[in-house]
Amino acid sequence: MGKATIILIAMISVLSASTGNSKPSLAARSQLQVNETNQPSGIDLTIATVGPMLGPPTDHYTVGEQVLITISMTNRSSQSTYACVSSDFYQDLPKLTKNGQLIPYTKWETDLLRNTRNEQTCERDDLPEKMLLKANEPTVVDFLVLVDDLRLPTGAQAWYDPLKPGVYEMSMQRRNGCCDGPMIESNKIRFEIVP
């Protein structure tokens, strides 16, 4: 229930901020088509950078600042369908690069990913939620904490250690099913970390 509330706040924040933002998007869209039953469908996965604490869209952060990504899905079919929202460990695989070099996950995140896969904890312990995807309507379904704030840490499970200054490129894969199944590929985004 708590994650659903945060997602709702994120969606309102992104939608209200995007109406006043005339900056062009840095994203290049791409898609794979899958659904929860592993049959072809028409679901697009779109990621976008937002300010710390789910602030307005941005592509510039200072060193040590929280970096968040919103995750939206758009159902391109003519009928509504459901997406599962369970946990980053089961559903998301971000890919972050700087100057073409892959940035590794934190050691803690790497260990958790390995343990959740080996122990099959999703099937036993997780309490996934279903989120309705209406036809041709983008829906913010989740968010991802790439880096937590160094000065005021939130305790969020961050995928990466604090990032150094530079331009980063990110894409991700997300599972539409709760625990297993094929992945959907997102668009690519760019953001900059400044001193």
N, C-alpha and C. Protein backbone atom coordinates (compact mmCIF):
# COMPACT_ATOMS: atom_id res chain seq x y z
N MET A 1 0.83 -1.19 0.00
CA MET A 1 0.00 0.00 0.00
C MET A 1 0.87 1.25 0.00
N GLY A 2 1.98 1.21 0.75
CA GLY A 2 2.87 2.37 0.83
C GLY A 2 3.51 2.68 -0.50
N LYS A 3 3.89 1.63 -1.25
CA LYS A 3 4.52 1.84 -2.54
C LYS A 3 3.51 2.42 -3.53
N ALA A 4 2.26 1.96 -3.43
CA ALA A 4 1.21 2.50 -4.31
C ALA A 4 1.00 3.99 -4.05
N THR A 5 1.07 4.42 -2.80
CA THR A 5 0.93 5.83 -2.46
C THR A 5 2.08 6.64 -3.04
N ILE A 6 3.29 6.11 -2.91
CA ILE A 6 4.46 6.80 -3.45
C ILE A 6 4.37 6.91 -4.96
N ILE A 7 3.90 5.84 -5.61
CA ILE A 7 3.76 5.86 -7.07
C ILE A 7 2.74 6.91 -7.47
N LEU A 8 1.63 7.00 -6.74
CA LEU A 8 0.61 8.01 -7.04
C LEU A 8 1.19 9.41 -6.91
N ILE A 9 1.94 9.66 -5.85
CA ILE A 9 2.58 10.97 -5.66
C ILE A 9 3.56 11.25 -6.79
N ALA A 10 4.32 10.23 -7.18
CA ALA A 10 5.28 10.40 -8.28
C ALA A 10 4.57 10.75 -9.57
N MET A 11 3.46 10.06 -9.84
CA MET A 11 2.72 10.31 -11.07
C MET A 11 2.18 11.73 -11.09
N ILE A 12 1.61 12.18 -9.99
CA ILE A 12 1.07 13.54 -9.92
C ILE A 12 2.19 14.56 -10.10
N SER A 13 3.32 14.31 -9.44
CA SER A 13 4.47 15.21 -9.53
C SER A 13 5.00 15.31 -10.95
N VAL A 14 5.16 14.15 -11.60
CA VAL A 14 5.69 14.14 -12.96
C VAL A 14 4.73 14.81 -13.92
N LEU A 15 3.44 14.49 -13.80
CA LEU A 15 2.46 15.07 -14.71
C LEU A 15 2.32 16.57 -14.52
N SER A 16 2.32 17.03 -13.27
CA SER A 16 2.18 18.47 -13.04
C SER A 16 3.43 19.22 -13.44
N ALA A 17 4.59 18.63 -13.24
CA ALA A 17 5.84 19.29 -13.62
C ALA A 17 6.04 19.30 -15.12
N SER A 18 5.58 18.25 -15.81
CA SER A 18 5.82 18.18 -17.24
C SER A 18 4.98 19.18 -18.01
N THR A 19 3.87 19.63 -17.47
CA THR A 19 3.04 20.60 -18.18
C THR A 19 3.73 21.95 -18.27
N GLY A 20 4.58 22.28 -17.31
CA GLY A 20 5.28 23.55 -17.33
C GLY A 20 6.69 23.46 -17.86
N ASN A 21 7.13 22.32 -18.28
CA ASN A 21 8.50 22.12 -18.72
C ASN A 21 8.54 22.02 -20.22
N SER A 22 9.21 22.96 -20.88
CA SER A 22 9.28 22.93 -22.32
C SER A 22 10.62 22.41 -22.82
N LYS A 23 11.48 21.89 -21.92
CA LYS A 23 12.76 21.33 -22.33
C LYS A 23 12.54 20.10 -23.19
N PRO A 24 13.29 19.95 -24.27
CA PRO A 24 13.14 18.76 -25.08
C PRO A 24 13.68 17.53 -24.34
N SER A 25 13.08 16.41 -24.59
CA SER A 25 13.49 15.16 -23.96
C SER A 25 14.80 14.68 -24.56
N LEU A 26 15.64 14.09 -23.72
CA LEU A 26 16.89 13.50 -24.18
C LEU A 26 16.71 12.03 -24.55
N ALA A 27 15.50 11.51 -24.38
CA ALA A 27 15.26 10.07 -24.55
C ALA A 27 15.07 9.69 -26.01
N ALA A 28 15.53 8.50 -26.34
CA ALA A 28 15.25 7.89 -27.63
C ALA A 28 14.46 6.62 -27.34
N ARG A 29 13.25 6.54 -27.86
CA ARG A 29 12.36 5.44 -27.49
C ARG A 29 12.74 4.14 -28.19
N SER A 30 12.58 3.04 -27.46
CA SER A 30 12.68 1.70 -28.03
C SER A 30 11.73 0.79 -27.27
N GLN A 31 11.40 -0.36 -27.85
CA GLN A 31 10.43 -1.22 -27.18
C GLN A 31 10.64 -2.68 -27.54
N LEU A 32 10.25 -3.55 -26.66
CA LEU A 32 10.03 -4.96 -26.90
C LEU A 32 8.59 -5.22 -26.47
N GLN A 33 7.96 -6.20 -27.04
CA GLN A 33 6.56 -6.43 -26.72
C GLN A 33 6.41 -7.74 -25.96
N VAL A 34 5.93 -7.64 -24.72
CA VAL A 34 5.63 -8.82 -23.89
C VAL A 34 4.48 -8.48 -22.97
N ASN A 35 3.87 -9.50 -22.39
CA ASN A 35 2.92 -9.27 -21.31
C ASN A 35 3.11 -10.32 -20.25
N GLU A 36 2.31 -10.28 -19.21
CA GLU A 36 2.49 -11.13 -18.04
C GLU A 36 2.39 -12.62 -18.39
N THR A 37 1.68 -12.97 -19.43
CA THR A 37 1.55 -14.38 -19.81
C THR A 37 2.56 -14.77 -20.87
N ASN A 38 3.56 -13.95 -21.08
CA ASN A 38 4.65 -14.21 -22.03
C ASN A 38 4.19 -14.22 -23.48
N GLN A 39 3.02 -13.71 -23.77
CA GLN A 39 2.53 -13.62 -25.14
C GLN A 39 2.79 -12.21 -25.66
N PRO A 40 2.99 -12.05 -26.97
CA PRO A 40 3.21 -10.70 -27.51
C PRO A 40 2.08 -9.76 -27.14
N SER A 41 2.43 -8.55 -26.83
CA SER A 41 1.45 -7.51 -26.54
C SER A 41 2.02 -6.21 -27.07
N GLY A 42 1.56 -5.12 -26.56
CA GLY A 42 2.06 -3.83 -26.99
C GLY A 42 2.32 -2.93 -25.82
N ILE A 43 3.28 -3.26 -24.98
CA ILE A 43 3.57 -2.44 -23.81
C ILE A 43 4.91 -1.75 -24.00
N ASP A 44 4.88 -0.42 -23.93
CA ASP A 44 6.11 0.39 -24.00
C ASP A 44 6.56 0.70 -22.58
N LEU A 45 7.87 0.70 -22.38
CA LEU A 45 8.47 1.04 -21.09
C LEU A 45 9.26 2.33 -21.28
N THR A 46 8.94 3.34 -20.47
CA THR A 46 9.60 4.64 -20.59
C THR A 46 10.14 5.05 -19.23
N ILE A 47 11.42 5.43 -19.20
CA ILE A 47 12.01 5.93 -17.97
C ILE A 47 12.32 7.41 -18.14
N ALA A 48 12.34 8.12 -17.02
CA ALA A 48 12.63 9.55 -17.04
C ALA A 48 13.28 9.95 -15.72
N THR A 49 14.18 10.90 -15.79
CA THR A 49 14.82 11.41 -14.58
C THR A 49 13.92 12.48 -13.96
N VAL A 50 13.88 12.47 -12.63
CA VAL A 50 13.16 13.49 -11.88
C VAL A 50 14.06 14.00 -10.78
N GLY A 51 13.70 15.12 -10.21
CA GLY A 51 14.49 15.71 -9.14
C GLY A 51 14.44 14.87 -7.87
N PRO A 52 15.34 15.18 -6.93
CA PRO A 52 15.34 14.48 -5.65
C PRO A 52 13.96 14.51 -5.00
N MET A 53 13.65 13.45 -4.27
CA MET A 53 12.36 13.30 -3.57
C MET A 53 11.18 13.41 -4.54
N LEU A 54 11.37 12.87 -5.76
CA LEU A 54 10.35 12.87 -6.81
C LEU A 54 9.94 14.27 -7.23
N GLY A 55 10.93 15.15 -7.31
CA GLY A 55 10.70 16.52 -7.76
C GLY A 55 10.43 16.58 -9.24
N PRO A 56 10.38 17.79 -9.80
CA PRO A 56 10.09 17.95 -11.23
C PRO A 56 11.17 17.33 -12.11
N PRO A 57 10.84 17.04 -13.36
CA PRO A 57 11.82 16.45 -14.28
C PRO A 57 13.08 17.30 -14.37
N THR A 58 14.22 16.62 -14.42
CA THR A 58 15.51 17.29 -14.57
C THR A 58 16.49 16.32 -15.21
N ASP A 59 17.54 16.83 -15.76
CA ASP A 59 18.62 15.97 -16.25
C ASP A 59 19.97 16.47 -15.72
N HIS A 60 19.96 17.28 -14.67
CA HIS A 60 21.17 17.78 -14.02
C HIS A 60 21.07 17.57 -12.50
N TYR A 61 22.13 17.01 -11.95
CA TYR A 61 22.22 16.76 -10.50
C TYR A 61 23.59 17.20 -10.03
N THR A 62 23.70 17.52 -8.75
CA THR A 62 25.01 17.81 -8.18
C THR A 62 25.54 16.54 -7.51
N VAL A 63 26.86 16.47 -7.36
CA VAL A 63 27.49 15.32 -6.72
C VAL A 63 26.88 15.13 -5.33
N GLY A 64 26.50 13.91 -5.01
CA GLY A 64 25.93 13.60 -3.70
C GLY A 64 24.43 13.75 -3.61
N GLU A 65 23.80 14.26 -4.68
CA GLU A 65 22.35 14.46 -4.69
C GLU A 65 21.64 13.16 -5.08
N GLN A 66 20.43 12.98 -4.57
CA GLN A 66 19.62 11.80 -4.91
C GLN A 66 19.26 11.84 -6.40
N VAL A 67 19.40 10.69 -7.06
CA VAL A 67 19.03 10.55 -8.47
C VAL A 67 17.92 9.51 -8.55
N LEU A 68 16.76 9.95 -9.04
CA LEU A 68 15.58 9.09 -9.14
C LEU A 68 15.14 8.96 -10.59
N ILE A 69 14.59 7.80 -10.90
CA ILE A 69 14.05 7.52 -12.23
C ILE A 69 12.60 7.09 -12.05
N THR A 70 11.69 7.68 -12.81
CA THR A 70 10.31 7.19 -12.83
C THR A 70 10.18 6.16 -13.95
N ILE A 71 9.32 5.19 -13.72
CA ILE A 71 9.11 4.11 -14.67
C ILE A 71 7.64 4.15 -15.10
N SER A 72 7.42 4.37 -16.39
CA SER A 72 6.06 4.43 -16.94
C SER A 72 5.87 3.30 -17.94
N MET A 73 4.65 2.82 -18.00
CA MET A 73 4.28 1.80 -18.99
C MET A 73 3.07 2.31 -19.76
N THR A 74 3.10 2.05 -21.05
CA THR A 74 1.97 2.42 -21.91
C THR A 74 1.48 1.17 -22.62
N ASN A 75 0.23 0.86 -22.42
CA ASN A 75 -0.42 -0.29 -23.04
C ASN A 75 -0.89 0.13 -24.42
N ARG A 76 -0.27 -0.39 -25.47
CA ARG A 76 -0.62 -0.01 -26.86
C ARG A 76 -1.73 -0.87 -27.46
N SER A 77 -2.26 -1.81 -26.69
CA SER A 77 -3.35 -2.63 -27.22
C SER A 77 -4.68 -1.89 -27.05
N SER A 78 -5.74 -2.45 -27.57
CA SER A 78 -7.05 -1.79 -27.50
C SER A 78 -7.82 -2.12 -26.22
N GLN A 79 -7.28 -3.04 -25.41
CA GLN A 79 -7.96 -3.43 -24.17
C GLN A 79 -7.05 -3.19 -22.98
N SER A 80 -7.64 -2.90 -21.84
CA SER A 80 -6.87 -2.72 -20.60
C SER A 80 -6.21 -4.03 -20.20
N THR A 81 -5.09 -3.92 -19.52
CA THR A 81 -4.38 -5.08 -19.01
C THR A 81 -3.75 -4.70 -17.67
N TYR A 82 -3.12 -5.65 -17.02
CA TYR A 82 -2.49 -5.38 -15.73
C TYR A 82 -0.98 -5.59 -15.82
N ALA A 83 -0.28 -4.78 -15.07
CA ALA A 83 1.16 -4.96 -14.86
C ALA A 83 1.35 -5.26 -13.39
N CYS A 84 2.39 -6.00 -13.09
CA CYS A 84 2.67 -6.33 -11.70
C CYS A 84 3.70 -5.34 -11.14
N VAL A 85 3.53 -4.97 -9.88
CA VAL A 85 4.51 -4.16 -9.17
C VAL A 85 4.91 -4.96 -7.94
N SER A 86 6.12 -5.51 -7.96
CA SER A 86 6.56 -6.29 -6.80
C SER A 86 7.78 -5.64 -6.16
N SER A 87 8.96 -5.88 -6.69
CA SER A 87 10.18 -5.34 -6.09
C SER A 87 11.22 -5.11 -7.17
N ASP A 88 12.05 -4.10 -6.95
CA ASP A 88 13.14 -3.81 -7.90
C ASP A 88 13.99 -5.05 -8.16
N PHE A 89 14.22 -5.84 -7.13
CA PHE A 89 15.11 -7.00 -7.25
C PHE A 89 14.58 -8.03 -8.24
N TYR A 90 13.28 -8.15 -8.37
CA TYR A 90 12.69 -9.15 -9.24
C TYR A 90 12.35 -8.60 -10.62
N GLN A 91 12.13 -7.29 -10.69
CA GLN A 91 11.59 -6.75 -11.93
C GLN A 91 12.55 -5.88 -12.73
N ASP A 92 13.49 -5.21 -12.09
CA ASP A 92 14.28 -4.19 -12.77
C ASP A 92 15.75 -4.57 -12.91
N LEU A 93 16.31 -4.23 -14.07
CA LEU A 93 17.74 -4.36 -14.31
C LEU A 93 18.22 -3.08 -15.00
N PRO A 94 18.65 -2.10 -14.21
CA PRO A 94 19.16 -0.87 -14.83
C PRO A 94 20.54 -1.10 -15.44
N LYS A 95 20.85 -0.31 -16.46
CA LYS A 95 22.16 -0.34 -17.10
C LYS A 95 22.61 1.12 -17.20
N LEU A 96 23.63 1.46 -16.43
CA LEU A 96 24.14 2.83 -16.37
C LEU A 96 25.56 2.84 -16.91
N THR A 97 25.84 3.77 -17.83
CA THR A 97 27.19 3.90 -18.39
C THR A 97 27.65 5.35 -18.33
N LYS A 98 28.97 5.50 -18.30
CA LYS A 98 29.62 6.81 -18.40
C LYS A 98 30.78 6.63 -19.37
N ASN A 99 30.81 7.43 -20.42
CA ASN A 99 31.82 7.32 -21.46
C ASN A 99 31.91 5.89 -22.01
N GLY A 100 30.78 5.24 -22.15
CA GLY A 100 30.73 3.89 -22.69
C GLY A 100 31.10 2.78 -21.70
N GLN A 101 31.50 3.15 -20.49
CA GLN A 101 31.90 2.16 -19.48
C GLN A 101 30.71 1.85 -18.56
N LEU A 102 30.44 0.57 -18.38
CA LEU A 102 29.35 0.14 -17.52
C LEU A 102 29.68 0.44 -16.06
N ILE A 103 28.75 1.06 -15.34
CA ILE A 103 28.92 1.37 -13.91
C ILE A 103 28.37 0.18 -13.13
N PRO A 104 29.17 -0.41 -12.23
CA PRO A 104 28.69 -1.58 -11.46
C PRO A 104 27.70 -1.16 -10.38
N TYR A 105 26.80 -2.10 -10.03
CA TYR A 105 25.89 -1.89 -8.92
C TYR A 105 26.70 -1.85 -7.62
N THR A 106 26.07 -1.34 -6.57
CA THR A 106 26.72 -1.39 -5.26
C THR A 106 26.93 -2.85 -4.88
N LYS A 107 27.90 -3.11 -4.03
CA LYS A 107 28.15 -4.49 -3.58
C LYS A 107 26.91 -5.04 -2.89
N TRP A 108 26.29 -4.21 -2.07
CA TRP A 108 25.10 -4.61 -1.34
C TRP A 108 23.99 -5.03 -2.31
N GLU A 109 23.78 -4.23 -3.36
CA GLU A 109 22.73 -4.51 -4.35
C GLU A 109 23.06 -5.81 -5.11
N THR A 110 24.32 -5.99 -5.48
CA THR A 110 24.74 -7.19 -6.19
C THR A 110 24.48 -8.43 -5.34
N ASP A 111 24.83 -8.37 -4.07
CA ASP A 111 24.60 -9.50 -3.16
C ASP A 111 23.11 -9.79 -3.01
N LEU A 112 22.29 -8.75 -2.87
CA LEU A 112 20.84 -8.95 -2.74
C LEU A 112 20.24 -9.58 -3.99
N LEU A 113 20.68 -9.12 -5.17
CA LEU A 113 20.19 -9.69 -6.42
C LEU A 113 20.52 -11.18 -6.49
N ARG A 114 21.74 -11.53 -6.15
CA ARG A 114 22.16 -12.92 -6.19
C ARG A 114 21.33 -13.76 -5.21
N ASN A 115 21.14 -13.26 -3.99
CA ASN A 115 20.39 -14.00 -2.98
C ASN A 115 18.92 -14.18 -3.36
N THR A 116 18.28 -13.13 -3.88
CA THR A 116 16.86 -13.25 -4.22
C THR A 116 16.65 -14.23 -5.36
N ARG A 117 17.58 -14.28 -6.30
CA ARG A 117 17.46 -15.24 -7.40
C ARG A 117 17.69 -16.67 -6.92
N ASN A 118 18.73 -16.85 -6.12
CA ASN A 118 19.06 -18.20 -5.64
C ASN A 118 18.00 -18.75 -4.69
N GLU A 119 17.43 -17.90 -3.86
CA GLU A 119 16.48 -18.37 -2.85
C GLU A 119 15.02 -18.31 -3.30
N GLN A 120 14.77 -17.80 -4.50
CA GLN A 120 13.40 -17.71 -5.04
C GLN A 120 12.45 -17.01 -4.07
N THR A 121 12.92 -15.92 -3.45
CA THR A 121 12.11 -15.26 -2.43
C THR A 121 10.86 -14.59 -2.98
N CYS A 122 10.85 -14.24 -4.23
CA CYS A 122 9.68 -13.56 -4.79
C CYS A 122 8.43 -14.43 -4.68
N GLU A 123 8.55 -15.70 -5.07
CA GLU A 123 7.40 -16.59 -5.04
C GLU A 123 6.91 -16.84 -3.62
N ARG A 124 7.81 -16.86 -2.65
CA ARG A 124 7.45 -17.20 -1.27
C ARG A 124 7.02 -15.99 -0.44
N ASP A 125 7.74 -14.88 -0.54
CA ASP A 125 7.60 -13.82 0.45
C ASP A 125 7.03 -12.50 -0.05
N ASP A 126 7.10 -12.22 -1.31
CA ASP A 126 6.72 -10.89 -1.78
C ASP A 126 5.20 -10.75 -1.88
N LEU A 127 4.73 -9.54 -1.72
CA LEU A 127 3.30 -9.24 -1.84
C LEU A 127 3.10 -8.29 -3.02
N PRO A 128 3.06 -8.82 -4.22
CA PRO A 128 2.95 -7.94 -5.39
C PRO A 128 1.58 -7.29 -5.49
N GLU A 129 1.57 -6.17 -6.19
CA GLU A 129 0.33 -5.45 -6.46
C GLU A 129 0.11 -5.42 -7.96
N LYS A 130 -1.13 -5.45 -8.38
CA LYS A 130 -1.47 -5.32 -9.79
C LYS A 130 -1.81 -3.87 -10.07
N MET A 131 -1.32 -3.36 -11.20
CA MET A 131 -1.62 -2.00 -11.59
C MET A 131 -2.29 -2.03 -12.97
N LEU A 132 -3.42 -1.37 -13.06
CA LEU A 132 -4.19 -1.33 -14.30
C LEU A 132 -3.49 -0.44 -15.32
N LEU A 133 -3.32 -0.98 -16.52
CA LEU A 133 -2.80 -0.21 -17.66
C LEU A 133 -3.93 -0.06 -18.66
N LYS A 134 -4.52 1.13 -18.70
CA LYS A 134 -5.59 1.39 -19.66
C LYS A 134 -5.00 1.52 -21.05
N ALA A 135 -5.81 1.31 -22.05
CA ALA A 135 -5.35 1.36 -23.44
C ALA A 135 -4.81 2.75 -23.79
N ASN A 136 -3.60 2.78 -24.33
CA ASN A 136 -2.95 4.00 -24.84
C ASN A 136 -2.86 5.13 -23.83
N GLU A 137 -2.70 4.79 -22.56
CA GLU A 137 -2.59 5.80 -21.51
C GLU A 137 -1.31 5.55 -20.70
N PRO A 138 -0.30 6.43 -20.84
CA PRO A 138 0.92 6.24 -20.04
C PRO A 138 0.61 6.26 -18.55
N THR A 139 1.20 5.32 -17.81
CA THR A 139 0.96 5.19 -16.38
C THR A 139 2.28 5.05 -15.65
N VAL A 140 2.55 5.92 -14.68
CA VAL A 140 3.73 5.76 -13.85
C VAL A 140 3.45 4.58 -12.92
N VAL A 141 4.26 3.52 -13.05
CA VAL A 141 4.02 2.31 -12.27
C VAL A 141 5.00 2.15 -11.12
N ASP A 142 6.13 2.83 -11.17
CA ASP A 142 7.16 2.61 -10.16
C ASP A 142 8.22 3.69 -10.28
N PHE A 143 9.19 3.64 -9.39
CA PHE A 143 10.36 4.51 -9.49
C PHE A 143 11.57 3.72 -9.02
N LEU A 144 12.73 4.21 -9.36
CA LEU A 144 13.98 3.54 -9.04
C LEU A 144 14.94 4.56 -8.44
N VAL A 145 15.55 4.23 -7.33
CA VAL A 145 16.55 5.10 -6.71
C VAL A 145 17.92 4.66 -7.24
N LEU A 146 18.49 5.46 -8.13
CA LEU A 146 19.83 5.12 -8.63
C LEU A 146 20.88 5.40 -7.57
N VAL A 147 20.79 6.61 -6.96
CA VAL A 147 21.74 7.04 -5.93
C VAL A 147 20.95 7.75 -4.85
N ASP A 148 21.25 7.44 -3.59
CA ASP A 148 20.60 8.14 -2.48
C ASP A 148 21.39 9.41 -2.15
N ASP A 149 20.75 10.34 -1.49
CA ASP A 149 21.38 11.61 -1.11
C ASP A 149 22.44 11.38 -0.05
N LEU A 150 23.63 11.95 -0.24
CA LEU A 150 24.72 11.79 0.73
C LEU A 150 24.51 12.64 1.99
N ARG A 151 23.99 13.86 1.82
CA ARG A 151 23.83 14.76 2.97
C ARG A 151 22.63 14.40 3.83
N LEU A 152 21.53 14.04 3.19
CA LEU A 152 20.30 13.67 3.90
C LEU A 152 19.82 12.31 3.38
N PRO A 153 20.50 11.24 3.75
CA PRO A 153 20.13 9.92 3.23
C PRO A 153 18.70 9.54 3.62
N THR A 154 17.99 8.94 2.67
CA THR A 154 16.62 8.52 2.93
C THR A 154 16.55 7.07 3.39
N GLY A 155 17.64 6.35 3.24
CA GLY A 155 17.65 4.92 3.56
C GLY A 155 17.11 4.06 2.44
N ALA A 156 16.85 4.67 1.29
CA ALA A 156 16.33 3.93 0.13
C ALA A 156 17.39 2.95 -0.39
N GLN A 157 16.93 1.89 -1.01
CA GLN A 157 17.82 0.91 -1.61
C GLN A 157 18.34 1.46 -2.94
N ALA A 158 19.53 2.03 -2.92
CA ALA A 158 20.12 2.63 -4.11
C ALA A 158 20.89 1.58 -4.90
N TRP A 159 20.82 1.67 -6.21
CA TRP A 159 21.50 0.72 -7.08
C TRP A 159 22.99 1.04 -7.23
N TYR A 160 23.35 2.32 -7.10
CA TYR A 160 24.73 2.72 -7.37
C TYR A 160 25.31 3.54 -6.23
N ASP A 161 26.64 3.47 -6.10
CA ASP A 161 27.35 4.34 -5.18
C ASP A 161 27.28 5.76 -5.73
N PRO A 162 27.60 6.78 -4.91
CA PRO A 162 27.56 8.16 -5.40
C PRO A 162 28.33 8.31 -6.71
N LEU A 163 27.74 9.07 -7.63
CA LEU A 163 28.30 9.23 -8.97
C LEU A 163 29.21 10.44 -9.05
N LYS A 164 30.28 10.30 -9.81
CA LYS A 164 31.23 11.39 -10.03
C LYS A 164 30.72 12.30 -11.14
N PRO A 165 31.26 13.51 -11.24
CA PRO A 165 30.82 14.42 -12.31
C PRO A 165 30.99 13.79 -13.69
N GLY A 166 30.04 14.10 -14.56
CA GLY A 166 30.09 13.61 -15.93
C GLY A 166 28.70 13.39 -16.47
N VAL A 167 28.64 12.94 -17.73
CA VAL A 167 27.38 12.65 -18.41
C VAL A 167 27.19 11.14 -18.38
N TYR A 168 26.00 10.73 -17.97
CA TYR A 168 25.66 9.32 -17.85
C TYR A 168 24.53 8.98 -18.81
N GLU A 169 24.52 7.74 -19.27
CA GLU A 169 23.44 7.25 -20.10
C GLU A 169 22.86 6.02 -19.43
N MET A 170 21.54 5.93 -19.44
CA MET A 170 20.89 4.83 -18.75
C MET A 170 19.74 4.27 -19.56
N SER A 171 19.60 2.96 -19.47
CA SER A 171 18.41 2.26 -19.95
C SER A 171 18.14 1.16 -18.93
N MET A 172 17.05 0.49 -19.09
CA MET A 172 16.77 -0.60 -18.16
C MET A 172 15.87 -1.62 -18.81
N GLN A 173 15.83 -2.77 -18.19
CA GLN A 173 14.87 -3.79 -18.55
C GLN A 173 13.95 -3.98 -17.34
N ARG A 174 12.69 -4.24 -17.63
CA ARG A 174 11.72 -4.46 -16.55
C ARG A 174 10.85 -5.66 -16.91
N ARG A 175 10.64 -6.48 -15.93
CA ARG A 175 9.77 -7.64 -16.07
C ARG A 175 8.34 -7.19 -15.85
N ASN A 176 7.43 -7.54 -16.75
CA ASN A 176 6.02 -7.19 -16.56
C ASN A 176 5.36 -8.14 -15.56
N GLY A 177 5.85 -9.37 -15.49
CA GLY A 177 5.37 -10.32 -14.50
C GLY A 177 5.95 -10.00 -13.13
N CYS A 178 5.39 -10.60 -12.11
CA CYS A 178 5.83 -10.28 -10.74
C CYS A 178 7.20 -10.83 -10.41
N CYS A 179 7.48 -12.07 -10.77
CA CYS A 179 8.71 -12.73 -10.33
C CYS A 179 9.58 -13.24 -11.46
N ASP A 180 8.99 -13.59 -12.58
CA ASP A 180 9.78 -14.12 -13.69
C ASP A 180 9.10 -13.79 -15.00
N GLY A 181 9.68 -14.25 -16.07
CA GLY A 181 9.14 -13.97 -17.39
C GLY A 181 10.03 -13.04 -18.17
N PRO A 182 9.66 -12.75 -19.41
CA PRO A 182 10.48 -11.91 -20.28
C PRO A 182 10.55 -10.47 -19.79
N MET A 183 11.56 -9.78 -20.28
CA MET A 183 11.81 -8.39 -19.91
C MET A 183 11.41 -7.47 -21.06
N ILE A 184 11.02 -6.25 -20.70
CA ILE A 184 10.73 -5.18 -21.65
C ILE A 184 11.90 -4.21 -21.59
N GLU A 185 12.37 -3.76 -22.73
CA GLU A 185 13.49 -2.82 -22.80
C GLU A 185 12.95 -1.38 -22.81
N SER A 186 13.59 -0.51 -22.05
CA SER A 186 13.17 0.90 -21.98
C SER A 186 13.86 1.74 -23.05
N ASN A 187 13.47 2.98 -23.07
CA ASN A 187 14.17 4.00 -23.84
C ASN A 187 15.52 4.28 -23.16
N LYS A 188 16.38 5.06 -23.81
CA LYS A 188 17.64 5.49 -23.20
C LYS A 188 17.50 6.95 -22.80
N ILE A 189 18.06 7.27 -21.64
CA ILE A 189 18.06 8.65 -21.17
C ILE A 189 19.47 9.07 -20.84
N ARG A 190 19.69 10.37 -20.77
CA ARG A 190 20.97 10.94 -20.37
C ARG A 190 20.74 11.93 -19.26
N PHE A 191 21.72 11.98 -18.35
CA PHE A 191 21.70 13.01 -17.32
C PHE A 191 23.13 13.35 -16.96
N GLU A 192 23.28 14.50 -16.31
CA GLU A 192 24.61 14.98 -15.98
C GLU A 192 24.75 15.20 -14.48
N ILE A 193 25.91 14.81 -13.97
CA ILE A 193 26.27 15.09 -12.58
C ILE A 193 27.30 16.21 -12.62
N VAL A 194 27.07 17.28 -11.88
CA VAL A 194 28.00 18.41 -11.85
C VAL A 194 28.57 18.57 -10.44
N PRO A 195 29.77 19.16 -10.31
CA PRO A 195 30.39 19.32 -8.98
C PRO A 195 29.56 20.22 -8.07
